[in-house]
């Protein structure tokens, strides 16, 4: 998964929130720098980024939902959000499953 560890648990940084925008009719990520309008797939990934699910868990859930492998798509999308400094990752502790 393109540099993002499968055990990492993505969550939005404290100043970022996922919100429905009724004007656009889409989910958006709101940050002090502006808003990022998400497509349906991006919104589905973002909705699962709660700091508890791992990247592998998110990919597995969406793979079931879309009935196809989505590991690379999830990693790419999360990598883009991380590059914009909208996400942070917690690593799974050794010994925790």
N, C-alpha and C. Protein backbone atom coordinates (compact mmCIF):
# COMPACT_ATOMS: atom_id res chain seq x y z
N UNK A 1 0.84 -1.20 0.00
CA UNK A 1 0.00 0.00 0.00
C UNK A 1 0.88 1.25 0.00
N UNK A 2 1.38 1.64 -1.06
CA UNK A 2 2.12 2.87 -1.36
C UNK A 2 2.64 3.67 -0.17
N UNK A 3 3.49 3.08 0.67
CA UNK A 3 4.13 3.81 1.76
C UNK A 3 3.30 4.00 3.01
N UNK A 4 2.04 3.74 2.95
CA UNK A 4 1.19 3.85 4.14
C UNK A 4 1.05 2.46 4.72
N UNK A 5 1.40 2.33 5.98
CA UNK A 5 1.37 1.01 6.62
C UNK A 5 -0.07 0.54 6.82
N UNK A 6 -0.35 -0.72 6.51
CA UNK A 6 -1.70 -1.25 6.67
C UNK A 6 -2.22 -1.18 8.10
N UNK A 7 -1.31 -1.21 9.09
CA UNK A 7 -1.74 -1.15 10.49
C UNK A 7 -1.98 0.27 10.99
N UNK A 8 -1.57 1.27 10.20
CA UNK A 8 -1.76 2.66 10.62
C UNK A 8 -3.24 2.97 10.71
N UNK A 9 -3.59 3.79 11.68
CA UNK A 9 -5.00 4.14 11.90
C UNK A 9 -5.19 5.63 11.60
N UNK A 10 -5.75 5.95 10.41
CA UNK A 10 -5.90 7.35 10.02
C UNK A 10 -7.04 8.05 10.77
N UNK A 11 -6.79 9.30 11.09
CA UNK A 11 -7.83 10.16 11.67
C UNK A 11 -7.56 11.57 11.19
N UNK A 12 -8.62 12.35 11.16
CA UNK A 12 -8.46 13.73 10.73
C UNK A 12 -7.78 14.54 11.81
N UNK A 13 -6.99 15.48 11.38
CA UNK A 13 -6.33 16.37 12.34
C UNK A 13 -7.40 17.17 13.06
N UNK A 14 -7.11 17.69 14.23
CA UNK A 14 -8.14 18.34 15.05
C UNK A 14 -8.90 19.48 14.36
N UNK A 15 -8.28 20.13 13.41
CA UNK A 15 -8.92 21.28 12.76
C UNK A 15 -9.68 20.90 11.49
N UNK A 16 -9.80 19.61 11.20
CA UNK A 16 -10.46 19.14 9.98
C UNK A 16 -11.73 18.38 10.36
N UNK A 17 -12.79 18.63 9.60
CA UNK A 17 -14.01 17.84 9.85
C UNK A 17 -14.70 17.50 8.52
N UNK A 18 -15.34 16.36 8.54
CA UNK A 18 -16.13 15.88 7.41
C UNK A 18 -17.54 16.37 7.62
N UNK A 19 -18.10 17.00 6.60
CA UNK A 19 -19.43 17.59 6.74
C UNK A 19 -20.18 17.53 5.42
N UNK A 20 -21.49 17.36 5.50
CA UNK A 20 -22.36 17.39 4.32
C UNK A 20 -22.56 18.85 3.91
N UNK A 21 -22.35 19.15 2.64
CA UNK A 21 -22.58 20.49 2.11
C UNK A 21 -23.87 20.46 1.29
N UNK A 22 -24.96 21.04 1.82
CA UNK A 22 -26.23 20.97 1.11
C UNK A 22 -26.23 21.75 -0.21
N UNK A 23 -25.40 22.77 -0.33
CA UNK A 23 -25.34 23.54 -1.56
C UNK A 23 -24.76 22.69 -2.69
N UNK A 24 -23.66 21.98 -2.40
CA UNK A 24 -23.01 21.14 -3.40
C UNK A 24 -23.67 19.76 -3.50
N UNK A 25 -24.38 19.38 -2.45
CA UNK A 25 -24.98 18.05 -2.42
C UNK A 25 -23.94 16.96 -2.28
N UNK A 26 -22.83 17.27 -1.59
CA UNK A 26 -21.71 16.33 -1.43
C UNK A 26 -21.08 16.50 -0.05
N UNK A 27 -20.33 15.47 0.33
CA UNK A 27 -19.51 15.56 1.54
C UNK A 27 -18.29 16.43 1.24
N UNK A 28 -17.87 17.22 2.21
CA UNK A 28 -16.67 18.03 2.07
C UNK A 28 -15.81 17.88 3.31
N UNK A 29 -14.53 18.06 3.14
CA UNK A 29 -13.62 18.16 4.26
C UNK A 29 -13.36 19.63 4.48
N UNK A 30 -13.68 20.11 5.66
CA UNK A 30 -13.47 21.51 5.98
C UNK A 30 -12.21 21.65 6.82
N UNK A 31 -11.37 22.59 6.42
CA UNK A 31 -10.13 22.89 7.12
C UNK A 31 -9.96 24.41 7.08
N UNK A 32 -9.10 24.95 7.92
CA UNK A 32 -8.91 26.41 7.91
C UNK A 32 -8.51 26.96 6.54
N UNK A 33 -7.82 26.14 5.72
CA UNK A 33 -7.38 26.59 4.41
C UNK A 33 -8.47 26.55 3.37
N UNK A 34 -9.60 25.91 3.66
CA UNK A 34 -10.68 25.83 2.69
C UNK A 34 -11.43 24.52 2.80
N UNK A 35 -12.14 24.21 1.73
CA UNK A 35 -12.95 22.99 1.69
C UNK A 35 -12.49 22.12 0.53
N UNK A 36 -12.51 20.82 0.75
CA UNK A 36 -12.19 19.84 -0.28
C UNK A 36 -13.47 19.05 -0.54
N UNK A 37 -14.01 19.18 -1.75
CA UNK A 37 -15.23 18.48 -2.12
C UNK A 37 -14.86 17.04 -2.47
N UNK A 38 -15.57 16.09 -1.88
CA UNK A 38 -15.25 14.67 -2.07
C UNK A 38 -16.25 14.01 -3.01
N UNK A 39 -15.74 13.11 -3.83
CA UNK A 39 -16.65 12.28 -4.62
C UNK A 39 -17.18 11.17 -3.70
N UNK A 40 -18.04 10.32 -4.23
CA UNK A 40 -18.67 9.28 -3.41
C UNK A 40 -17.65 8.34 -2.78
N UNK A 41 -16.66 7.94 -3.56
CA UNK A 41 -15.65 7.02 -3.04
C UNK A 41 -14.79 7.69 -1.97
N UNK A 42 -14.37 8.92 -2.23
CA UNK A 42 -13.58 9.65 -1.25
C UNK A 42 -14.34 9.85 0.04
N UNK A 43 -15.62 10.15 -0.06
CA UNK A 43 -16.46 10.33 1.13
C UNK A 43 -16.59 9.03 1.90
N UNK A 44 -16.69 7.90 1.19
CA UNK A 44 -16.80 6.60 1.85
C UNK A 44 -15.52 6.28 2.63
N UNK A 45 -14.37 6.59 2.04
CA UNK A 45 -13.10 6.37 2.73
C UNK A 45 -12.99 7.30 3.93
N UNK A 46 -13.27 8.58 3.71
CA UNK A 46 -13.14 9.57 4.78
C UNK A 46 -14.04 9.24 5.97
N UNK A 47 -15.22 8.74 5.71
CA UNK A 47 -16.16 8.42 6.78
C UNK A 47 -15.63 7.33 7.71
N UNK A 48 -14.70 6.53 7.23
CA UNK A 48 -14.15 5.44 8.04
C UNK A 48 -12.86 5.83 8.77
N UNK A 49 -12.37 7.03 8.56
CA UNK A 49 -11.12 7.48 9.18
C UNK A 49 -11.40 8.06 10.56
N UNK A 50 -11.51 7.19 11.54
CA UNK A 50 -11.87 7.64 12.88
C UNK A 50 -10.75 7.42 13.90
N UNK A 51 -9.59 6.97 13.44
CA UNK A 51 -8.48 6.72 14.36
C UNK A 51 -8.56 5.36 15.03
N UNK A 52 -9.64 4.64 14.83
CA UNK A 52 -9.79 3.30 15.40
C UNK A 52 -9.58 2.22 14.35
N UNK A 53 -10.06 2.45 13.15
CA UNK A 53 -9.89 1.48 12.06
C UNK A 53 -8.51 1.65 11.42
N UNK A 54 -7.91 0.52 11.09
CA UNK A 54 -6.63 0.58 10.39
C UNK A 54 -6.88 0.79 8.90
N UNK A 55 -5.83 1.15 8.19
CA UNK A 55 -5.92 1.29 6.74
C UNK A 55 -6.39 -0.03 6.13
N UNK A 56 -5.87 -1.16 6.63
CA UNK A 56 -6.29 -2.47 6.13
C UNK A 56 -7.77 -2.71 6.40
N UNK A 57 -8.26 -2.30 7.58
CA UNK A 57 -9.69 -2.45 7.92
C UNK A 57 -10.56 -1.64 6.96
N UNK A 58 -10.13 -0.42 6.68
CA UNK A 58 -10.89 0.46 5.77
C UNK A 58 -10.95 -0.17 4.38
N UNK A 59 -9.81 -0.65 3.89
CA UNK A 59 -9.77 -1.27 2.56
C UNK A 59 -10.63 -2.53 2.53
N UNK A 60 -10.60 -3.30 3.60
CA UNK A 60 -11.41 -4.53 3.64
C UNK A 60 -12.90 -4.19 3.62
N UNK A 61 -13.31 -3.23 4.43
CA UNK A 61 -14.72 -2.82 4.47
C UNK A 61 -15.19 -2.32 3.11
N UNK A 62 -14.41 -1.45 2.49
CA UNK A 62 -14.82 -0.91 1.20
C UNK A 62 -14.71 -1.93 0.08
N UNK A 63 -13.79 -2.87 0.21
CA UNK A 63 -13.70 -3.96 -0.76
C UNK A 63 -14.96 -4.81 -0.76
N UNK A 64 -15.50 -5.05 0.43
CA UNK A 64 -16.77 -5.77 0.52
C UNK A 64 -17.90 -4.94 -0.07
N UNK A 65 -17.92 -3.66 0.26
CA UNK A 65 -18.99 -2.78 -0.21
C UNK A 65 -19.00 -2.66 -1.73
N UNK A 66 -17.82 -2.51 -2.33
CA UNK A 66 -17.73 -2.31 -3.78
C UNK A 66 -17.46 -3.60 -4.55
N UNK A 67 -17.28 -4.69 -3.82
CA UNK A 67 -17.06 -6.01 -4.41
C UNK A 67 -15.87 -6.05 -5.37
N UNK A 68 -14.78 -5.44 -4.93
CA UNK A 68 -13.54 -5.49 -5.70
C UNK A 68 -12.39 -5.04 -4.79
N UNK A 69 -11.16 -5.39 -5.12
CA UNK A 69 -10.02 -4.95 -4.32
C UNK A 69 -9.85 -3.43 -4.41
N UNK A 70 -9.70 -2.78 -3.28
CA UNK A 70 -9.56 -1.32 -3.27
C UNK A 70 -8.34 -0.86 -2.47
N UNK A 71 -7.47 -1.78 -2.11
CA UNK A 71 -6.32 -1.45 -1.27
C UNK A 71 -5.52 -0.27 -1.81
N UNK A 72 -5.16 -0.33 -3.09
CA UNK A 72 -4.34 0.74 -3.67
C UNK A 72 -5.11 2.06 -3.74
N UNK A 73 -6.39 2.01 -4.06
CA UNK A 73 -7.21 3.23 -4.12
C UNK A 73 -7.27 3.90 -2.75
N UNK A 74 -7.48 3.09 -1.71
CA UNK A 74 -7.55 3.63 -0.35
C UNK A 74 -6.21 4.25 0.03
N UNK A 75 -5.12 3.54 -0.21
CA UNK A 75 -3.80 4.05 0.14
C UNK A 75 -3.48 5.34 -0.61
N UNK A 76 -3.81 5.39 -1.88
CA UNK A 76 -3.55 6.59 -2.68
C UNK A 76 -4.33 7.78 -2.14
N UNK A 77 -5.62 7.58 -1.87
CA UNK A 77 -6.46 8.66 -1.36
C UNK A 77 -5.96 9.14 0.00
N UNK A 78 -5.67 8.21 0.90
CA UNK A 78 -5.17 8.61 2.22
C UNK A 78 -3.82 9.31 2.11
N UNK A 79 -2.98 8.86 1.19
CA UNK A 79 -1.70 9.53 0.97
C UNK A 79 -1.87 10.97 0.52
N UNK A 80 -2.85 11.20 -0.34
CA UNK A 80 -3.13 12.57 -0.80
C UNK A 80 -3.63 13.45 0.34
N UNK A 81 -4.51 12.89 1.17
CA UNK A 81 -4.99 13.68 2.32
C UNK A 81 -3.86 13.96 3.30
N UNK A 82 -3.00 12.98 3.51
CA UNK A 82 -1.86 13.17 4.42
C UNK A 82 -0.91 14.23 3.86
N UNK A 83 -0.69 14.23 2.55
CA UNK A 83 0.19 15.22 1.93
C UNK A 83 -0.35 16.63 2.11
N UNK A 84 -1.66 16.75 2.17
CA UNK A 84 -2.29 18.06 2.41
C UNK A 84 -2.37 18.38 3.91
N UNK A 85 -1.84 17.48 4.72
CA UNK A 85 -1.80 17.64 6.18
C UNK A 85 -3.21 17.67 6.79
N UNK A 86 -4.12 16.91 6.19
CA UNK A 86 -5.48 16.81 6.71
C UNK A 86 -5.65 15.59 7.61
N UNK A 87 -4.76 14.60 7.45
CA UNK A 87 -4.82 13.36 8.22
C UNK A 87 -3.57 13.19 9.04
N UNK A 88 -3.72 12.43 10.12
CA UNK A 88 -2.57 11.94 10.86
C UNK A 88 -2.80 10.45 11.09
N UNK A 89 -1.73 9.72 11.34
CA UNK A 89 -1.82 8.27 11.50
C UNK A 89 -1.28 7.86 12.85
N UNK A 90 -2.00 6.97 13.50
CA UNK A 90 -1.53 6.31 14.71
C UNK A 90 -1.12 4.91 14.30
N UNK A 91 -0.03 4.43 14.81
CA UNK A 91 0.42 3.06 14.50
C UNK A 91 -0.16 2.11 15.52
N UNK A 92 -0.44 0.90 15.06
CA UNK A 92 -0.91 -0.16 15.94
C UNK A 92 0.23 -0.51 16.89
N UNK A 93 -0.04 -0.61 18.17
CA UNK A 93 0.97 -0.95 19.15
C UNK A 93 1.36 -2.42 19.01
N UNK A 94 2.62 -2.71 19.18
CA UNK A 94 3.09 -4.10 19.15
C UNK A 94 2.38 -4.87 20.26
N UNK A 95 1.88 -6.02 19.92
CA UNK A 95 1.19 -6.84 20.92
C UNK A 95 -0.31 -6.64 20.90
N UNK A 96 -0.80 -5.55 20.31
CA UNK A 96 -2.23 -5.32 20.19
C UNK A 96 -2.69 -5.87 18.85
N UNK A 97 -3.83 -6.49 18.84
CA UNK A 97 -4.33 -7.03 17.57
C UNK A 97 -5.50 -6.25 17.07
